[in-house]
Amino acid sequence: MADFMADPDLKDRFLNVLKGKAVDKVPALSVTQTGTLELMEKSGAAWPEANFNADKMADLALAAHKFAGLEAVRYPFCLTVLSEAMGCSINQGRRDVQPFPRTRPFAEDAENLELPSDLTDRGRIPLLVDVTSTLRKRVGEEVPLIAGIEGPASLASRLLGTYNFLTWVMKKPELIRRCLEVTGTACSEYSAVLSEAGADAVCIVDGIAGPDMLDPKHLASLIKPEYEHFYRVGKGMKLIHICGNSTSILKMLSECGFNGISIEEKVTDLPAAKKLIGKKVSLIGNLSSSGVLLTGTCEEVKNEAKKCLEGGIDILAPGCGIAPRTPLANLRALVDARDEFYNK
């Protein structure tokens, strides 16, 4: 039994958009992290505890839906769960800082990077499975659940070290290919257990794979095969978020099977972006998280949100992880803008 009432159309609307079907209005939600200081106060669940305690994580994840009106529950709030399970030591962060890896366990030993046979029993993966089951019970079947995970390139860069990863992509591509096969399989296995536990969508966040960091030709030769494999494994909707101006790789990403692609505000021409990805893939975003959402007024948020809607965005969402100090009123304004857009 759900512990609060929800719009019965939220999940159907979300899934239908991702299936390319017509909907009455664009969903307004986040596929990236949602923990903010105000939501921590309202929910009684704060970082760092809410990144490591199942009940607190569920409470804070629900808060963005209950108090801001975002039309999905997105969790967790960090991108370290797989990194930790694969061997990284994690700094737990603090109330306004997400956890982050402290070590690069395979920086000197990349040839021995292997997939643990007990991966899904390691670290916080069982905790995230519990959180997924808990959230499913608490929201019922009417609110979509979106789980976020590290992408294969980001995971490899944590395990090897970012400098090593970016250097070896050029100098040791076969080594990187083998490492990406391992991290890609890790992403797929983790995604599968989250889907089995009740997640409606899994969003891989792979910022280092974007053209701001990596030549698109390396994305095509080394990382794209892992995205294609990720799409084929397990059930549920598969989403990807890439940081920076991803315009030059949107077509390539659309060929991997993803149901939705999340973009930052640096992708400025939304009609052109939609043309690049075609009609089978939903475009998600792209309200500036570090700009208008964090520092703007409610009216400024609404104005920018309506520009996204006029540009043809399929799911209205922050263009990246929501900054912890983002005003709750601005998150509500994102949803209000969508409602005003359809009631004008």
C-alpha atoms as a PDB file:
ATOM      1  CA  MET A   1       0.000   0.000   0.000  1.00  0.00           C
ATOM      2  CA  ALA A   2       1.389   3.394  -0.999  1.00  0.00           C
ATOM      3  CA  ASP A   3       1.852   5.787   1.937  1.00  0.00           C
ATOM      4  CA  PHE A   4       0.525   8.846   0.061  1.00  0.00           C
ATOM      5  CA  MET A   5      -1.746   9.511  -2.882  1.00  0.00           C
ATOM      6  CA  ALA A   6      -0.260  10.201  -6.293  1.00  0.00           C
ATOM      7  CA  ASP A   7      -1.489  11.192  -9.723  1.00  0.00           C
ATOM      8  CA  PRO A   8      -2.419   7.794 -11.203  1.00  0.00           C
ATOM      9  CA  ASP A   9      -1.102   8.882 -14.602  1.00  0.00           C
ATOM     10  CA  LEU A  10       2.493   9.682 -13.583  1.00  0.00           C
ATOM     11  CA  LYS A  11       4.043   6.306 -14.317  1.00  0.00           C
ATOM     12  CA  ASP A  12       2.035   5.674 -17.465  1.00  0.00           C
ATOM     13  CA  ARG A  13       2.909   9.130 -18.792  1.00  0.00           C
ATOM     14  CA  PHE A  14       6.609   8.598 -18.083  1.00  0.00           C
ATOM     15  CA  LEU A  15       6.716   5.151 -19.678  1.00  0.00           C
ATOM     16  CA  ASN A  16       4.628   6.201 -22.670  1.00  0.00           C
ATOM     17  CA  VAL A  17       6.946   9.120 -23.443  1.00  0.00           C
ATOM     18  CA  LEU A  18       9.921   6.758 -23.379  1.00  0.00           C
ATOM     19  CA  LYS A  19       8.065   4.368 -25.688  1.00  0.00           C
ATOM     20  CA  GLY A  20       7.437   7.166 -28.186  1.00  0.00           C
ATOM     21  CA  LYS A  21       3.701   7.350 -27.510  1.00  0.00           C
ATOM     22  CA  ALA A  22       1.625  10.518 -27.330  1.00  0.00           C
ATOM     23  CA  VAL A  23       0.920  11.940 -23.862  1.00  0.00           C
ATOM     24  CA  ASP A  24      -1.308  14.706 -22.532  1.00  0.00           C
ATOM     25  CA  LYS A  25       1.649  16.675 -21.187  1.00  0.00           C
ATOM     26  CA  VAL A  26       5.416  16.391 -20.848  1.00  0.00           C
ATOM     27  CA  PRO A  27       6.531  14.797 -17.539  1.00  0.00           C
ATOM     28  CA  ALA A  28       8.377  17.125 -15.148  1.00  0.00           C
ATOM     29  CA  LEU A  29      10.954  15.258 -13.069  1.00  0.00           C
ATOM     30  CA  SER A  30      14.657  14.611 -12.566  1.00  0.00           C
ATOM     31  CA  VAL A  31      16.777  11.748 -13.886  1.00  0.00           C
ATOM     32  CA  THR A  32      19.766  13.122 -11.949  1.00  0.00           C
ATOM     33  CA  GLN A  33      20.370  13.510  -8.195  1.00  0.00           C
ATOM     34  CA  THR A  34      17.651  15.293  -6.184  1.00  0.00           C
ATOM     35  CA  GLY A  35      19.016  15.754  -2.648  1.00  0.00           C
ATOM     36  CA  THR A  36      18.868  19.383  -1.461  1.00  0.00           C
ATOM     37  CA  LEU A  37      19.377  20.979   1.942  1.00  0.00           C
ATOM     38  CA  GLU A  38      15.743  22.083   2.174  1.00  0.00           C
ATOM     39  CA  LEU A  39      14.502  18.605   1.307  1.00  0.00           C
ATOM     40  CA  MET A  40      16.864  17.178   3.930  1.00  0.00           C
ATOM     41  CA  GLU A  41      15.237  19.456   6.515  1.00  0.00           C
ATOM     42  CA  LYS A  42      11.711  18.535   5.458  1.00  0.00           C
ATOM     43  CA  SER A  43      12.333  14.803   5.306  1.00  0.00           C
ATOM     44  CA  GLY A  44      14.531  14.517   8.387  1.00  0.00           C
ATOM     45  CA  ALA A  45      17.023  12.624   6.238  1.00  0.00           C
ATOM     46  CA  ALA A  46      20.354  14.271   5.452  1.00  0.00           C
ATOM     47  CA  TRP A  47      23.691  13.463   3.874  1.00  0.00           C
ATOM     48  CA  PRO A  48      25.988  11.771   4.590  1.00  0.00           C
ATOM     49  CA  GLU A  49      23.714   9.334   6.465  1.00  0.00           C
ATOM     50  CA  ALA A  50      21.130   9.308   3.667  1.00  0.00           C
ATOM     51  CA  ASN A  51      23.772   7.933   1.312  1.00  0.00           C
ATOM     52  CA  PHE A  52      24.463   4.916   3.533  1.00  0.00           C
ATOM     53  CA  ASN A  53      21.227   4.183   5.449  1.00  0.00           C
ATOM     54  CA  ALA A  54      18.362   2.572   3.530  1.00  0.00           C
ATOM     55  CA  ASP A  55      15.474   4.228   5.408  1.00  0.00           C
ATOM     56  CA  LYS A  56      17.051   7.687   5.266  1.00  0.00           C
ATOM     57  CA  MET A  57      17.835   7.283   1.562  1.00  0.00           C
ATOM     58  CA  ALA A  58      14.237   6.334   0.829  1.00  0.00           C
ATOM     59  CA  ASP A  59      12.894   9.257   2.897  1.00  0.00           C
ATOM     60  CA  LEU A  60      15.075  11.808   1.123  1.00  0.00           C
ATOM     61  CA  ALA A  61      14.394  10.331  -2.323  1.00  0.00           C
ATOM     62  CA  LEU A  62      10.638  10.585  -1.701  1.00  0.00           C
ATOM     63  CA  ALA A  63      10.967  14.205  -0.573  1.00  0.00           C
ATOM     64  CA  ALA A  64      11.548  15.582  -4.070  1.00  0.00           C
ATOM     65  CA  HIS A  65       8.251  14.026  -5.139  1.00  0.00           C
ATOM     66  CA  LYS A  66       6.287  14.885  -2.006  1.00  0.00           C
ATOM     67  CA  PHE A  67       7.488  18.445  -1.436  1.00  0.00           C
ATOM     68  CA  ALA A  68       8.689  19.655  -4.847  1.00  0.00           C
ATOM     69  CA  GLY A  69       6.146  17.805  -6.965  1.00  0.00           C
ATOM     70  CA  LEU A  70       8.711  16.141  -9.221  1.00  0.00           C
ATOM     71  CA  GLU A  71       6.884  13.363 -11.026  1.00  0.00           C
ATOM     72  CA  ALA A  72       9.298  10.532 -10.278  1.00  0.00           C
ATOM     73  CA  VAL A  73      11.413   9.298  -7.394  1.00  0.00           C
ATOM     74  CA  ARG A  74      15.083   9.326  -8.325  1.00  0.00           C
ATOM     75  CA  TYR A  75      17.761   7.731  -6.147  1.00  0.00           C
ATOM     76  CA  PRO A  76      20.510   7.438  -4.887  1.00  0.00           C
ATOM     77  CA  PHE A  77      22.284  10.805  -4.562  1.00  0.00           C
ATOM     78  CA  CYS A  78      25.836   9.806  -5.436  1.00  0.00           C
ATOM     79  CA  LEU A  79      27.733   7.958  -8.133  1.00  0.00           C
ATOM     80  CA  THR A  80      29.941   5.794  -5.951  1.00  0.00           C
ATOM     81  CA  VAL A  81      27.954   2.604  -5.330  1.00  0.00           C
ATOM     82  CA  LEU A  82      29.544   0.570  -8.123  1.00  0.00           C
ATOM     83  CA  SER A  83      32.937   2.221  -7.555  1.00  0.00           C
ATOM     84  CA  GLU A  84      32.841   1.074  -3.939  1.00  0.00           C
ATOM     85  CA  ALA A  85      31.682  -2.439  -4.838  1.00  0.00           C
ATOM     86  CA  MET A  86      34.571  -2.724  -7.323  1.00  0.00           C
ATOM     87  CA  GLY A  87      37.206  -1.692  -4.788  1.00  0.00           C
ATOM     88  CA  CYS A  88      37.327   2.098  -4.359  1.00  0.00           C
ATOM     89  CA  SER A  89      37.585   3.498  -0.855  1.00  0.00           C
ATOM     90  CA  ILE A  90      34.877   6.159  -0.463  1.00  0.00           C
ATOM     91  CA  ASN A  91      34.935   9.501   1.321  1.00  0.00           C
ATOM     92  CA  GLN A  92      31.420   9.805   2.766  1.00  0.00           C
ATOM     93  CA  GLY A  93      31.190  13.542   2.091  1.00  0.00           C
ATOM     94  CA  ARG A  94      29.128  15.818   4.301  1.00  0.00           C
ATOM     95  CA  ARG A  95      25.719  17.464   4.436  1.00  0.00           C
ATOM     96  CA  ASP A  96      26.288  19.450   1.234  1.00  0.00           C
ATOM     97  CA  VAL A  97      28.955  17.297  -0.456  1.00  0.00           C
ATOM     98  CA  GLN A  98      28.279  13.965  -2.143  1.00  0.00           C
ATOM     99  CA  PRO A  99      30.466  10.918  -1.445  1.00  0.00           C
ATOM    100  CA  PHE A 100      33.476  10.563  -3.738  1.00  0.00           C
ATOM    101  CA  PRO A 101      36.189   7.947  -4.358  1.00  0.00           C
ATOM    102  CA  ARG A 102      39.428   8.353  -2.399  1.00  0.00           C
ATOM    103  CA  THR A 103      41.452   5.629  -4.098  1.00  0.00           C
ATOM    104  CA  ARG A 104      42.175   4.271  -7.591  1.00  0.00           C
ATOM    105  CA  PRO A 105      42.567   0.550  -6.836  1.00  0.00           C
ATOM    106  CA  PHE A 106      43.674  -0.526 -10.320  1.00  0.00           C
ATOM    107  CA  ALA A 107      45.864   2.447 -11.270  1.00  0.00           C
ATOM    108  CA  GLU A 108      48.971   0.237 -11.050  1.00  0.00           C
ATOM    109  CA  ASP A 109      47.244  -3.046 -11.821  1.00  0.00           C
ATOM    110  CA  ALA A 110      44.860  -2.471 -14.722  1.00  0.00           C
ATOM    111  CA  GLU A 111      45.626  -5.820 -16.330  1.00  0.00           C
ATOM    112  CA  ASN A 112      44.111  -7.571 -13.324  1.00  0.00           C
ATOM    113  CA  LEU A 113      40.794  -5.695 -13.307  1.00  0.00           C
ATOM    114  CA  GLU A 114      38.134  -8.393 -13.210  1.00  0.00           C
ATOM    115  CA  LEU A 115      34.429  -8.610 -12.495  1.00  0.00           C
ATOM    116  CA  PRO A 116      33.866  -9.931  -8.955  1.00  0.00           C
ATOM    117  CA  SER A 117      31.752 -13.085  -9.044  1.00  0.00           C
ATOM    118  CA  ASP A 118      29.777 -11.742  -6.070  1.00  0.00           C
ATOM    119  CA  LEU A 119      29.406  -8.178  -7.382  1.00  0.00           C
ATOM    120  CA  THR A 120      25.740  -7.728  -6.493  1.00  0.00           C
ATOM    121  CA  ASP A 121      26.429  -8.800  -2.896  1.00  0.00           C
ATOM    122  CA  ARG A 122      29.184  -6.234  -2.412  1.00  0.00           C
ATOM    123  CA  GLY A 123      29.229  -2.825  -0.748  1.00  0.00           C
ATOM    124  CA  ARG A 124      25.962  -0.912  -0.883  1.00  0.00           C
ATOM    125  CA  ILE A 125      24.440  -2.814  -3.802  1.00  0.00           C
ATOM    126  CA  PRO A 126      22.228  -4.922  -1.462  1.00  0.00           C
ATOM    127  CA  LEU A 127      21.234  -1.694   0.314  1.00  0.00           C
ATOM    128  CA  LEU A 128      20.166  -0.132  -2.991  1.00  0.00           C
ATOM    129  CA  VAL A 129      18.126  -3.216  -3.822  1.00  0.00           C
ATOM    130  CA  ASP A 130      16.398  -2.835  -0.435  1.00  0.00           C
ATOM    131  CA  VAL A 131      15.804   0.876  -1.065  1.00  0.00           C
ATOM    132  CA  THR A 132      14.255   0.065  -4.439  1.00  0.00           C
ATOM    133  CA  SER A 133      11.880  -2.478  -2.896  1.00  0.00           C
ATOM    134  CA  THR A 134      11.000  -0.058  -0.079  1.00  0.00           C
ATOM    135  CA  LEU A 135      10.276   2.800  -2.475  1.00  0.00           C
ATOM    136  CA  ARG A 136       8.137   0.553  -4.661  1.00  0.00           C
ATOM    137  CA  LYS A 137       5.992  -0.314  -1.644  1.00  0.00           C
ATOM    138  CA  ARG A 138       5.778   3.275  -0.456  1.00  0.00           C
ATOM    139  CA  VAL A 139       4.766   4.873  -3.773  1.00  0.00           C
ATOM    140  CA  GLY A 140       2.792   1.945  -5.149  1.00  0.00           C
ATOM    141  CA  GLU A 141       2.669   1.387  -8.888  1.00  0.00           C
ATOM    142  CA  GLU A 142       1.708   4.932  -9.821  1.00  0.00           C
ATOM    143  CA  VAL A 143       4.993   6.831  -9.407  1.00  0.00           C
ATOM    144  CA  PRO A 144       8.024   5.986 -11.557  1.00  0.00           C
ATOM    145  CA  LEU A 145      11.256   4.971  -9.846  1.00  0.00           C
ATOM    146  CA  ILE A 146      14.503   6.039 -11.521  1.00  0.00           C
ATOM    147  CA  ALA A 147      17.786   4.572 -10.288  1.00  0.00           C
ATOM    148  CA  GLY A 148      21.054   6.305 -11.174  1.00  0.00           C
ATOM    149  CA  ILE A 149      24.363   4.473 -11.610  1.00  0.00           C
ATOM    150  CA  GLU A 150      27.890   5.176 -12.828  1.00  0.00           C
ATOM    151  CA  GLY A 151      28.390   4.495 -16.515  1.00  0.00           C
ATOM    152  CA  PRO A 152      31.100   2.130 -17.783  1.00  0.00           C
ATOM    153  CA  ALA A 153      33.551   4.908 -18.707  1.00  0.00           C
ATOM    154  CA  SER A 154      33.095   6.781 -15.425  1.00  0.00           C
ATOM    155  CA  LEU A 155      33.494   3.562 -13.448  1.00  0.00           C
ATOM    156  CA  ALA A 156      36.662   2.666 -15.350  1.00  0.00           C
ATOM    157  CA  SER A 157      38.089   6.144 -14.769  1.00  0.00           C
ATOM    158  CA  ARG A 158      37.516   5.789 -11.015  1.00  0.00           C
ATOM    159  CA  LEU A 159      39.139   2.353 -10.855  1.00  0.00           C
ATOM    160  CA  LEU A 160      42.117   3.280 -13.058  1.00  0.00           C
ATOM    161  CA  GLY A 161      42.401   6.991 -12.286  1.00  0.00           C
ATOM    162  CA  THR A 162      41.068   9.691 -14.596  1.00  0.00           C
ATOM    163  CA  TYR A 163      44.475  10.650 -16.012  1.00  0.00           C
ATOM    164  CA  ASN A 164      45.325   7.033 -16.750  1.00  0.00           C
ATOM    165  CA  PHE A 165      41.956   6.399 -18.355  1.00  0.00           C
ATOM    166  CA  LEU A 166      42.119   9.398 -20.687  1.00  0.00           C
ATOM    167  CA  THR A 167      45.773   8.716 -21.559  1.00  0.00           C
ATOM    168  CA  TRP A 168      45.351   4.987 -22.130  1.00  0.00           C
ATOM    169  CA  VAL A 169      42.315   5.521 -24.352  1.00  0.00           C
ATOM    170  CA  MET A 170      44.837   6.874 -26.853  1.00  0.00           C
ATOM    171  CA  LYS A 171      47.988   4.924 -25.939  1.00  0.00           C
ATOM    172  CA  LYS A 172      46.613   1.573 -24.728  1.00  0.00           C
ATOM    173  CA  PRO A 173      43.202   1.214 -26.375  1.00  0.00           C
ATOM    174  CA  GLU A 174      43.119  -2.585 -26.093  1.00  0.00           C
ATOM    175  CA  LEU A 175      43.728  -2.395 -22.344  1.00  0.00           C
ATOM    176  CA  ILE A 176      40.940   0.162 -22.016  1.00  0.00           C
ATOM    177  CA  ARG A 177      38.655  -1.974 -24.179  1.00  0.00           C
ATOM    178  CA  ARG A 178      39.133  -4.914 -21.824  1.00  0.00           C
ATOM    179  CA  CYS A 179      38.591  -2.736 -18.751  1.00  0.00           C
ATOM    180  CA  LEU A 180      35.412  -1.304 -20.281  1.00  0.00           C
ATOM    181  CA  GLU A 181      34.123  -4.811 -20.941  1.00  0.00           C
ATOM    182  CA  VAL A 182      34.481  -5.451 -17.212  1.00  0.00           C
ATOM    183  CA  THR A 183      32.913  -2.173 -16.086  1.00  0.00           C
ATOM    184  CA  GLY A 184      30.199  -2.405 -18.719  1.00  0.00           C
ATOM    185  CA  THR A 185      29.231  -5.856 -17.461  1.00  0.00           C
ATOM    186  CA  ALA A 186      29.236  -4.506 -13.894  1.00  0.00           C
ATOM    187  CA  CYS A 187      26.800  -1.762 -14.943  1.00  0.00           C
ATOM    188  CA  SER A 188      24.548  -4.290 -16.655  1.00  0.00           C
ATOM    189  CA  GLU A 189      24.492  -6.699 -13.687  1.00  0.00           C
ATOM    190  CA  TYR A 190      23.764  -3.899 -11.221  1.00  0.00           C
ATOM    191  CA  SER A 191      21.055  -2.470 -13.463  1.00  0.00           C
ATOM    192  CA  ALA A 192      19.394  -5.870 -13.761  1.00  0.00           C
ATOM    193  CA  VAL A 193      19.050  -6.352  -9.984  1.00  0.00           C
ATOM    194  CA  LEU A 194      17.660  -2.817  -9.568  1.00  0.00           C
ATOM    195  CA  SER A 195      15.066  -3.486 -12.274  1.00  0.00           C
ATOM    196  CA  GLU A 196      14.132  -6.800 -10.662  1.00  0.00           C
ATOM    197  CA  ALA A 197      13.629  -4.990  -7.345  1.00  0.00           C
ATOM    198  CA  GLY A 198      11.172  -2.553  -8.913  1.00  0.00           C
ATOM    199  CA  ALA A 199      13.030   0.299 -10.656  1.00  0.00           C
ATOM    200  CA  ASP A 200      11.162   1.474 -13.760  1.00  0.00           C
ATOM    201  CA  ALA A 201      14.245   3.053 -15.318  1.00  0.00           C
ATOM    202  CA  VAL A 202      17.988   3.012 -14.793  1.00  0.00           C
ATOM    203  CA  CYS A 203      19.953   6.095 -15.807  1.00  0.00           C
ATOM    204  CA  ILE A 204      23.669   5.701 -16.384  1.00  0.00           C
ATOM    205  CA  VAL A 205      25.659   8.876 -15.790  1.00  0.00           C
ATOM    206  CA  ASP A 206      28.832   8.854 -17.853  1.00  0.00           C
ATOM    207  CA  GLY A 207      30.145  12.390 -17.907  1.00  0.00           C
ATOM    208  CA  ILE A 208      33.702  11.466 -18.861  1.00  0.00           C
ATOM    209  CA  ALA A 209      32.431   9.913 -22.104  1.00  0.00           C
ATOM    210  CA  GLY A 210      31.181  13.269 -23.393  1.00  0.00           C
ATOM    211  CA  PRO A 211      32.982  15.268 -26.099  1.00  0.00           C
ATOM    212  CA  ASP A 212      34.215  17.806 -23.526  1.00  0.00           C
ATOM    213  CA  MET A 213      36.471  15.020 -22.188  1.00  0.00           C
ATOM    214  CA  LEU A 214      36.781  12.360 -24.878  1.00  0.00           C
ATOM    215  CA  ASP A 215      37.142  12.363 -28.658  1.00  0.00           C
ATOM    216  CA  PRO A 216      33.882  10.999 -30.139  1.00  0.00           C
ATOM    217  CA  LYS A 217      35.868   8.477 -32.202  1.00  0.00           C
ATOM    218  CA  HIS A 218      36.955   6.799 -28.957  1.00  0.00           C
ATOM    219  CA  LEU A 219      33.381   6.788 -27.737  1.00  0.00           C
ATOM    220  CA  ALA A 220      32.408   5.003 -30.947  1.00  0.00           C
ATOM    221  CA  SER A 221      35.159   2.392 -30.873  1.00  0.00           C
ATOM    222  CA  LEU A 222      35.481   1.663 -27.151  1.00  0.00           C
ATOM    223  CA  ILE A 223      32.367   2.699 -25.215  1.00  0.00           C
ATOM    224  CA  LYS A 224      29.448   2.419 -27.625  1.00  0.00           C
ATOM    225  CA  PRO A 225      29.591  -1.430 -27.608  1.00  0.00           C
ATOM    226  CA  GLU A 226      29.157  -1.367 -23.808  1.00  0.00           C
ATOM    227  CA  TYR A 227      26.157   0.956 -24.081  1.00  0.00           C
ATOM    228  CA  GLU A 228      24.588  -1.403 -26.596  1.00  0.00           C
ATOM    229  CA  HIS A 229      25.163  -4.345 -24.256  1.00  0.00           C
ATOM    230  CA  PHE A 230      23.746  -2.379 -21.322  1.00  0.00           C
ATOM    231  CA  TYR A 231      20.547  -1.757 -23.253  1.00  0.00           C
ATOM    232  CA  ARG A 232      20.094  -5.443 -24.063  1.00  0.00           C
ATOM    233  CA  VAL A 233      20.481  -6.762 -20.491  1.00  0.00           C
ATOM    234  CA  GLY A 234      17.643  -6.770 -17.991  1.00  0.00           C
ATOM    235  CA  LYS A 235      14.225  -5.205 -18.156  1.00  0.00           C
ATOM    236  CA  GLY A 236      13.006  -1.643 -17.684  1.00  0.00           C
ATOM    237  CA  MET A 237      13.774   1.628 -19.392  1.00  0.00           C
ATOM    238  CA  LYS A 238      17.396   2.556 -20.046  1.00  0.00           C
ATOM    239  CA  LEU A 239      18.479   6.209 -19.909  1.00  0.00           C
ATOM    240  CA  ILE A 240      21.809   7.971 -20.222  1.00  0.00           C
ATOM    241  CA  HIS A 241      23.056  11.335 -18.994  1.00  0.00           C
ATOM    242  CA  ILE A 242      26.127  12.882 -20.599  1.00  0.00           C
ATOM    243  CA  CYS A 243      27.596  16.133 -19.289  1.00  0.00           C
ATOM    244  CA  GLY A 244      28.665  19.096 -21.417  1.00  0.00           C
ATOM    245  CA  ASN A 245      27.711  19.860 -24.993  1.00  0.00           C
ATOM    246  CA  SER A 246      26.808  16.395 -26.269  1.00  0.00           C
ATOM    247  CA  THR A 247      25.426  17.589 -29.615  1.00  0.00           C
ATOM    248  CA  SER A 248      28.202  15.909 -31.626  1.00  0.00           C
ATOM    249  CA  ILE A 249      27.471  12.475 -30.129  1.00  0.00           C
ATOM    250  CA  LEU A 250      23.672  12.537 -29.872  1.00  0.00           C
ATOM    251  CA  LYS A 251      23.147  10.557 -33.061  1.00  0.00           C
ATOM    252  CA  MET A 252      25.659   7.939 -31.911  1.00  0.00           C
ATOM    253  CA  LEU A 253      23.968   7.654 -28.510  1.00  0.00           C
ATOM    254  CA  SER A 254      20.580   7.279 -30.174  1.00  0.00           C
ATOM    255  CA  GLU A 255      21.904   4.193 -31.975  1.00  0.00           C
ATOM    256  CA  CYS A 256      22.710   2.374 -28.711  1.00  0.00           C
ATOM    257  CA  GLY A 257      19.126   1.535 -27.804  1.00  0.00           C
ATOM    258  CA  PHE A 258      18.573   4.041 -24.984  1.00  0.00           C
ATOM    259  CA  ASN A 259      14.958   5.060 -24.411  1.00  0.00           C
ATOM    260  CA  GLY A 260      15.990   8.542 -23.302  1.00  0.00           C
ATOM    261  CA  ILE A 261      19.037  10.821 -23.470  1.00  0.00           C
ATOM    262  CA  SER A 262      19.516  13.499 -20.795  1.00  0.00           C
ATOM    263  CA  ILE A 263      21.314  16.657 -21.906  1.00  0.00           C
ATOM    264  CA  GLU A 264      22.765  19.767 -20.276  1.00  0.00           C
ATOM    265  CA  GLU A 265      21.874  23.348 -21.174  1.00  0.00           C
ATOM    266  CA  LYS A 266      25.041  23.473 -23.282  1.00  0.00           C
ATOM    267  CA  VAL A 267      22.976  21.723 -25.957  1.00  0.00           C
ATOM    268  CA  THR A 268      21.303  24.937 -27.090  1.00  0.00           C
ATOM    269  CA  ASP A 269      19.408  23.934 -30.234  1.00  0.00           C
ATOM    270  CA  LEU A 270      16.715  21.532 -29.050  1.00  0.00           C
ATOM    271  CA  PRO A 271      14.924  21.100 -32.406  1.00  0.00           C
ATOM    272  CA  ALA A 272      18.262  20.159 -33.998  1.00  0.00           C
ATOM    273  CA  ALA A 273      19.020  17.784 -31.113  1.00  0.00           C
ATOM    274  CA  LYS A 274      15.651  16.082 -31.538  1.00  0.00           C
ATOM    275  CA  LYS A 275      16.298  15.694 -35.241  1.00  0.00           C
ATOM    276  CA  LEU A 276      19.661  14.054 -34.491  1.00  0.00           C
ATOM    277  CA  ILE A 277      18.205  11.417 -32.170  1.00  0.00           C
ATOM    278  CA  GLY A 278      15.056  10.704 -34.183  1.00  0.00           C
ATOM    279  CA  LYS A 279      11.562   9.882 -32.968  1.00  0.00           C
ATOM    280  CA  LYS A 280      12.362   6.649 -31.120  1.00  0.00           C
ATOM    281  CA  VAL A 281      14.425   8.295 -28.361  1.00  0.00           C
ATOM    282  CA  SER A 282      13.192  10.838 -25.819  1.00  0.00           C
ATOM    283  CA  LEU A 283      15.159  14.012 -25.143  1.00  0.00           C
ATOM    284  CA  ILE A 284      15.412  14.850 -21.432  1.00  0.00           C
ATOM    285  CA  GLY A 285      16.495  18.105 -19.795  1.00  0.00           C
ATOM    286  CA  ASN A 286      17.840  20.687 -20.003  1.00  0.00           C
ATOM    287  CA  LEU A 287      17.245  23.370 -17.382  1.00  0.00           C
ATOM    288  CA  SER A 288      20.578  24.624 -16.011  1.00  0.00           C
ATOM    289  CA  SER A 289      21.230  23.057 -12.587  1.00  0.00           C
ATOM    290  CA  SER A 290      24.185  25.290 -11.736  1.00  0.00           C
ATOM    291  CA  GLY A 291      22.567  28.356 -13.304  1.00  0.00           C
ATOM    292  CA  VAL A 292      18.904  29.299 -13.184  1.00  0.00           C
ATOM    293  CA  LEU A 293      17.735  26.463 -10.916  1.00  0.00           C
ATOM    294  CA  LEU A 294      20.341  27.275  -8.287  1.00  0.00           C
ATOM    295  CA  THR A 295      20.547  31.071  -8.485  1.00  0.00           C
ATOM    296  CA  GLY A 296      17.513  32.273 -10.450  1.00  0.00           C
ATOM    297  CA  THR A 297      14.109  33.491  -9.326  1.00  0.00           C
ATOM    298  CA  CYS A 298      10.999  31.369  -9.733  1.00  0.00           C
ATOM    299  CA  GLU A 299       9.966  33.464 -12.719  1.00  0.00           C
ATOM    300  CA  GLU A 300      13.360  33.001 -14.343  1.00  0.00           C
ATOM    301  CA  VAL A 301      13.081  29.242 -13.812  1.00  0.00           C
ATOM    302  CA  LYS A 302       9.637  29.244 -15.395  1.00  0.00           C
ATOM    303  CA  ASN A 303      10.814  31.281 -18.378  1.00  0.00           C
ATOM    304  CA  GLU A 304      13.724  28.926 -19.062  1.00  0.00           C
ATOM    305  CA  ALA A 305      11.561  25.859 -18.530  1.00  0.00           C
ATOM    306  CA  LYS A 306       9.018  27.127 -21.050  1.00  0.00           C
ATOM    307  CA  LYS A 307      11.821  27.649 -23.577  1.00  0.00           C
ATOM    308  CA  CYS A 308      12.718  23.974 -23.135  1.00  0.00           C
ATOM    309  CA  LEU A 309       9.102  23.011 -23.742  1.00  0.00           C
ATOM    310  CA  GLU A 310       8.834  25.271 -26.788  1.00  0.00           C
ATOM    311  CA  GLY A 311      12.023  23.638 -28.121  1.00  0.00           C
ATOM    312  CA  GLY A 312      10.326  20.259 -28.007  1.00  0.00           C
ATOM    313  CA  ILE A 313      11.885  18.614 -24.943  1.00  0.00           C
ATOM    314  CA  ASP A 314      10.172  15.289 -24.213  1.00  0.00           C
ATOM    315  CA  ILE A 315      10.795  15.206 -20.448  1.00  0.00           C
ATOM    316  CA  LEU A 316      11.335  18.500 -18.615  1.00  0.00           C
ATOM    317  CA  ALA A 317      14.170  18.022 -16.137  1.00  0.00           C
ATOM    318  CA  PRO A 318      17.300  19.596 -14.658  1.00  0.00           C
ATOM    319  CA  GLY A 319      20.198  19.370 -17.103  1.00  0.00           C
ATOM    320  CA  CYS A 320      22.486  17.777 -14.482  1.00  0.00           C
ATOM    321  CA  GLY A 321      22.477  16.804 -10.813  1.00  0.00           C
ATOM    322  CA  ILE A 322      20.515  19.271  -8.668  1.00  0.00           C
ATOM    323  CA  ALA A 323      22.851  21.379  -6.521  1.00  0.00           C
ATOM    324  CA  PRO A 324      22.303  20.814  -2.769  1.00  0.00           C
ATOM    325  CA  ARG A 325      21.602  24.519  -2.145  1.00  0.00           C
ATOM    326  CA  THR A 326      18.919  24.764  -4.850  1.00  0.00           C
ATOM    327  CA  PRO A 327      15.799  26.494  -3.445  1.00  0.00           C
ATOM    328  CA  LEU A 328      12.788  24.218  -3.095  1.00  0.00           C
ATOM    329  CA  ALA A 329      10.656  26.980  -4.630  1.00  0.00           C
ATOM    330  CA  ASN A 330      12.697  26.738  -7.839  1.00  0.00           C
ATOM    331  CA  LEU A 331      12.074  23.002  -8.108  1.00  0.00           C
ATOM    332  CA  ARG A 332       8.367  23.636  -7.685  1.00  0.00           C
ATOM    333  CA  ALA A 333       8.598  26.354 -10.343  1.00  0.00           C
ATOM    334  CA  LEU A 334       9.886  23.765 -12.838  1.00  0.00           C
ATOM    335  CA  VAL A 335       6.679  21.761 -12.401  1.00  0.00           C
ATOM    336  CA  ASP A 336       4.511  24.892 -12.316  1.00  0.00           C
ATOM    337  CA  ALA A 337       6.026  26.042 -15.611  1.00  0.00           C
ATOM    338  CA  ARG A 338       5.005  22.794 -17.256  1.00  0.00           C
ATOM    339  CA  ASP A 339       1.455  23.158 -15.928  1.00  0.00           C
ATOM    340  CA  GLU A 340       1.210  26.787 -17.068  1.00  0.00           C
ATOM    341  CA  PHE A 341       2.555  25.837 -20.494  1.00  0.00           C
ATOM    342  CA  TYR A 342      -0.289  23.405 -21.051  1.00  0.00           C
ATOM    343  CA  ASN A 343      -2.989  25.639 -19.522  1.00  0.00           C
ATOM    344  CA  LYS A 344      -2.185  28.794 -21.468  1.00  0.00           C
END
